[in-house]
């Protein structure tokens, strides 16, 4: 999987803006598309904020024949409503 890079950082964006910004940012190199048919794929991410990136990656993989996508995340940021409760 390859990614077109953002010109701006997404860290301070809200969930809706992240989802919009991440659309069509990933693609599968044509050389590897055939290897994905009916495969199970594990996606590793260091930090999940809104989940927009993982959702977009899963969509691209499934659109290219992957039958199952498993996301493994090391850390998850708190939602804004949860942040105020833990301060």
N, C-alpha and C. Protein backbone atom coordinates (compact mmCIF):
# COMPACT_ATOMS: atom_id res chain seq x y z
N UNK A 1 0.85 -1.16 0.00
CA UNK A 1 0.00 0.00 0.00
C UNK A 1 0.90 1.23 0.00
N UNK A 2 0.51 2.20 -0.79
CA UNK A 2 1.23 3.47 -0.87
C UNK A 2 0.30 4.59 -0.43
N UNK A 3 0.91 5.72 -0.06
CA UNK A 3 0.12 6.86 0.39
C UNK A 3 0.62 8.13 -0.29
N UNK A 4 -0.33 8.91 -0.77
CA UNK A 4 -0.01 10.27 -1.19
C UNK A 4 0.08 11.08 0.09
N UNK A 5 1.07 11.93 0.22
CA UNK A 5 1.28 12.64 1.48
C UNK A 5 0.53 13.96 1.53
N UNK A 6 0.04 14.26 2.74
CA UNK A 6 -0.63 15.53 2.98
C UNK A 6 0.38 16.66 2.95
N UNK A 7 -0.09 17.82 2.54
CA UNK A 7 0.77 19.00 2.63
C UNK A 7 0.64 19.63 4.01
N UNK A 8 -0.44 19.28 4.74
CA UNK A 8 -0.66 19.80 6.08
C UNK A 8 -0.82 18.64 7.05
N UNK A 9 -0.44 18.86 8.31
CA UNK A 9 -0.65 17.86 9.34
C UNK A 9 -2.12 17.80 9.72
N UNK A 10 -2.59 16.62 10.06
CA UNK A 10 -3.99 16.42 10.40
C UNK A 10 -4.25 16.36 11.90
N UNK A 11 -3.21 16.46 12.72
CA UNK A 11 -3.34 16.23 14.16
C UNK A 11 -4.36 17.14 14.83
N UNK A 12 -4.50 18.35 14.38
CA UNK A 12 -5.42 19.28 15.03
C UNK A 12 -6.79 19.37 14.36
N UNK A 13 -7.03 18.55 13.38
CA UNK A 13 -8.31 18.57 12.67
C UNK A 13 -9.36 17.78 13.43
N UNK A 14 -10.63 18.14 13.22
CA UNK A 14 -11.71 17.37 13.84
C UNK A 14 -11.97 16.11 13.03
N UNK A 15 -12.81 15.24 13.56
CA UNK A 15 -13.07 13.93 12.96
C UNK A 15 -13.57 14.06 11.51
N UNK A 16 -14.52 14.95 11.29
CA UNK A 16 -15.09 15.11 9.94
C UNK A 16 -14.03 15.55 8.95
N UNK A 17 -13.22 16.54 9.32
CA UNK A 17 -12.17 17.03 8.43
C UNK A 17 -11.12 15.95 8.16
N UNK A 18 -10.81 15.13 9.17
CA UNK A 18 -9.85 14.04 8.98
C UNK A 18 -10.38 13.02 7.96
N UNK A 19 -11.66 12.69 8.10
CA UNK A 19 -12.26 11.72 7.18
C UNK A 19 -12.26 12.24 5.75
N UNK A 20 -12.55 13.51 5.58
CA UNK A 20 -12.55 14.11 4.24
C UNK A 20 -11.14 14.14 3.68
N UNK A 21 -10.17 14.56 4.51
CA UNK A 21 -8.79 14.72 4.06
C UNK A 21 -8.14 13.40 3.68
N UNK A 22 -8.53 12.33 4.33
CA UNK A 22 -7.86 11.04 4.12
C UNK A 22 -8.43 10.26 2.91
N UNK A 23 -9.59 10.67 2.42
CA UNK A 23 -10.21 9.95 1.30
C UNK A 23 -9.27 9.95 0.09
N UNK A 24 -9.11 8.79 -0.47
CA UNK A 24 -8.30 8.59 -1.68
C UNK A 24 -6.82 8.94 -1.50
N UNK A 25 -6.34 8.88 -0.26
CA UNK A 25 -4.92 9.15 0.00
C UNK A 25 -4.06 7.89 -0.11
N UNK A 26 -4.69 6.71 -0.17
CA UNK A 26 -3.96 5.45 -0.24
C UNK A 26 -4.29 4.74 -1.53
N UNK A 27 -3.35 3.94 -1.99
CA UNK A 27 -3.59 3.12 -3.17
C UNK A 27 -2.71 1.88 -3.11
N UNK A 28 -3.15 0.87 -3.83
CA UNK A 28 -2.38 -0.38 -3.93
C UNK A 28 -1.60 -0.34 -5.24
N UNK A 29 -0.32 -0.59 -5.15
CA UNK A 29 0.50 -0.66 -6.36
C UNK A 29 -0.03 -1.80 -7.22
N UNK A 30 -0.29 -1.55 -8.49
CA UNK A 30 -0.87 -2.58 -9.36
C UNK A 30 -0.11 -3.91 -9.36
N UNK A 31 1.18 -3.86 -9.14
CA UNK A 31 2.01 -5.07 -9.12
C UNK A 31 1.54 -6.04 -8.03
N UNK A 32 0.95 -5.54 -6.95
CA UNK A 32 0.59 -6.37 -5.79
C UNK A 32 -0.90 -6.64 -5.67
N UNK A 33 -1.72 -6.07 -6.53
CA UNK A 33 -3.17 -6.24 -6.40
C UNK A 33 -3.60 -7.70 -6.44
N UNK A 34 -3.02 -8.49 -7.28
CA UNK A 34 -3.39 -9.90 -7.40
C UNK A 34 -3.10 -10.71 -6.14
N UNK A 35 -2.14 -10.30 -5.36
CA UNK A 35 -1.77 -11.03 -4.14
C UNK A 35 -2.76 -10.80 -3.01
N UNK A 36 -3.62 -9.82 -3.15
CA UNK A 36 -4.55 -9.47 -2.07
C UNK A 36 -5.86 -10.24 -2.12
N UNK A 37 -6.18 -10.86 -3.24
CA UNK A 37 -7.46 -11.53 -3.41
C UNK A 37 -7.70 -12.57 -2.32
N UNK A 38 -8.78 -12.36 -1.56
CA UNK A 38 -9.21 -13.26 -0.47
C UNK A 38 -8.23 -13.34 0.70
N UNK A 39 -7.30 -12.41 0.79
CA UNK A 39 -6.30 -12.43 1.87
C UNK A 39 -6.87 -11.81 3.15
N UNK A 40 -6.24 -12.18 4.26
CA UNK A 40 -6.46 -11.51 5.53
C UNK A 40 -5.23 -10.63 5.76
N UNK A 41 -5.47 -9.37 6.13
CA UNK A 41 -4.38 -8.42 6.28
C UNK A 41 -4.44 -7.80 7.67
N UNK A 42 -3.28 -7.71 8.32
CA UNK A 42 -3.19 -7.02 9.61
C UNK A 42 -2.54 -5.66 9.35
N UNK A 43 -3.19 -4.61 9.84
CA UNK A 43 -2.67 -3.25 9.72
C UNK A 43 -2.22 -2.79 11.10
N UNK A 44 -0.96 -2.39 11.21
CA UNK A 44 -0.42 -1.89 12.47
C UNK A 44 -0.41 -0.36 12.44
N UNK A 45 -0.81 0.26 13.52
CA UNK A 45 -0.75 1.72 13.64
C UNK A 45 -0.23 2.06 15.03
N UNK A 46 0.63 3.05 15.13
CA UNK A 46 1.17 3.41 16.44
C UNK A 46 0.14 4.13 17.30
N UNK A 47 -0.56 5.12 16.73
CA UNK A 47 -1.55 5.88 17.48
C UNK A 47 -2.81 6.06 16.63
N UNK A 48 -3.96 5.74 17.21
CA UNK A 48 -5.23 5.97 16.52
C UNK A 48 -5.90 7.17 17.18
N UNK A 49 -6.25 8.14 16.38
CA UNK A 49 -6.94 9.32 16.90
C UNK A 49 -8.42 9.20 16.59
N UNK A 50 -8.81 9.46 15.35
CA UNK A 50 -10.23 9.38 15.00
C UNK A 50 -10.60 8.04 14.37
N UNK A 51 -9.61 7.30 13.89
CA UNK A 51 -9.88 6.05 13.19
C UNK A 51 -10.07 6.25 11.70
N UNK A 52 -10.02 7.48 11.23
CA UNK A 52 -10.24 7.77 9.81
C UNK A 52 -9.21 7.09 8.91
N UNK A 53 -7.95 7.11 9.32
CA UNK A 53 -6.89 6.49 8.51
C UNK A 53 -7.09 4.98 8.43
N UNK A 54 -7.35 4.33 9.56
CA UNK A 54 -7.56 2.88 9.55
C UNK A 54 -8.80 2.50 8.74
N UNK A 55 -9.86 3.28 8.85
CA UNK A 55 -11.06 3.01 8.06
C UNK A 55 -10.79 3.14 6.57
N UNK A 56 -10.04 4.15 6.18
CA UNK A 56 -9.74 4.35 4.77
C UNK A 56 -8.83 3.24 4.25
N UNK A 57 -7.84 2.84 5.04
CA UNK A 57 -6.97 1.73 4.64
C UNK A 57 -7.79 0.45 4.46
N UNK A 58 -8.68 0.18 5.40
CA UNK A 58 -9.52 -1.02 5.31
C UNK A 58 -10.40 -0.96 4.06
N UNK A 59 -10.94 0.21 3.76
CA UNK A 59 -11.78 0.35 2.55
C UNK A 59 -10.99 0.05 1.28
N UNK A 60 -9.79 0.62 1.19
CA UNK A 60 -8.96 0.40 0.00
C UNK A 60 -8.58 -1.07 -0.12
N UNK A 61 -8.20 -1.69 0.98
CA UNK A 61 -7.83 -3.10 0.94
C UNK A 61 -9.01 -3.96 0.50
N UNK A 62 -10.18 -3.72 1.07
CA UNK A 62 -11.36 -4.51 0.70
C UNK A 62 -11.78 -4.26 -0.74
N UNK A 63 -11.65 -3.02 -1.20
CA UNK A 63 -11.94 -2.71 -2.61
C UNK A 63 -10.99 -3.43 -3.54
N UNK A 64 -9.84 -3.87 -3.02
CA UNK A 64 -8.85 -4.58 -3.84
C UNK A 64 -8.81 -6.08 -3.54
N UNK A 65 -9.90 -6.61 -2.99
CA UNK A 65 -10.04 -8.05 -2.87
C UNK A 65 -9.73 -8.67 -1.53
N UNK A 66 -9.27 -7.90 -0.56
CA UNK A 66 -8.97 -8.45 0.76
C UNK A 66 -10.28 -8.88 1.42
N UNK A 67 -10.28 -10.05 2.02
CA UNK A 67 -11.51 -10.54 2.64
C UNK A 67 -11.64 -10.11 4.10
N UNK A 68 -10.51 -9.87 4.77
CA UNK A 68 -10.56 -9.52 6.20
C UNK A 68 -9.42 -8.58 6.54
N UNK A 69 -9.75 -7.49 7.26
CA UNK A 69 -8.74 -6.53 7.71
C UNK A 69 -8.80 -6.48 9.23
N UNK A 70 -7.65 -6.68 9.86
CA UNK A 70 -7.54 -6.63 11.31
C UNK A 70 -6.64 -5.44 11.65
N UNK A 71 -7.13 -4.55 12.51
CA UNK A 71 -6.34 -3.38 12.92
C UNK A 71 -5.76 -3.62 14.29
N UNK A 72 -4.46 -3.44 14.41
CA UNK A 72 -3.77 -3.49 15.70
C UNK A 72 -3.20 -2.10 15.96
N UNK A 73 -3.54 -1.55 17.13
CA UNK A 73 -3.14 -0.19 17.48
C UNK A 73 -2.43 -0.21 18.81
N UNK A 74 -1.31 0.47 18.90
CA UNK A 74 -0.55 0.54 20.14
C UNK A 74 -1.21 1.48 21.15
N UNK A 75 -1.55 2.70 20.73
CA UNK A 75 -2.17 3.69 21.60
C UNK A 75 -3.40 4.29 20.93
N UNK A 76 -4.38 4.67 21.75
CA UNK A 76 -5.58 5.33 21.25
C UNK A 76 -5.74 6.62 22.01
N UNK A 77 -5.91 7.73 21.29
CA UNK A 77 -6.14 9.00 21.97
C UNK A 77 -7.57 9.03 22.50
N UNK A 78 -7.78 9.84 23.50
CA UNK A 78 -9.12 10.00 24.06
C UNK A 78 -9.95 10.89 23.16
N UNK A 79 -11.25 10.64 23.14
CA UNK A 79 -12.16 11.53 22.42
C UNK A 79 -12.24 12.84 23.20
N UNK A 80 -12.58 13.95 22.53
CA UNK A 80 -12.64 15.25 23.23
C UNK A 80 -13.52 15.20 24.47
N UNK A 81 -14.65 14.53 24.44
CA UNK A 81 -15.53 14.45 25.61
C UNK A 81 -14.89 13.68 26.75
N UNK A 82 -14.03 12.71 26.43
CA UNK A 82 -13.34 11.93 27.46
C UNK A 82 -12.16 12.68 28.04
N UNK A 83 -11.55 13.54 27.26
CA UNK A 83 -10.37 14.29 27.73
C UNK A 83 -10.73 15.16 28.93
N UNK A 84 -11.86 15.84 28.88
CA UNK A 84 -12.22 16.73 29.98
C UNK A 84 -12.51 15.97 31.27
N UNK A 85 -12.95 14.71 31.14
CA UNK A 85 -13.24 13.89 32.31
C UNK A 85 -11.96 13.43 33.01
N UNK A 86 -10.86 13.32 32.28
CA UNK A 86 -9.63 12.76 32.83
C UNK A 86 -8.59 13.82 33.20
N UNK A 87 -8.93 15.07 33.08
CA UNK A 87 -7.96 16.13 33.35
C UNK A 87 -7.91 16.43 34.82
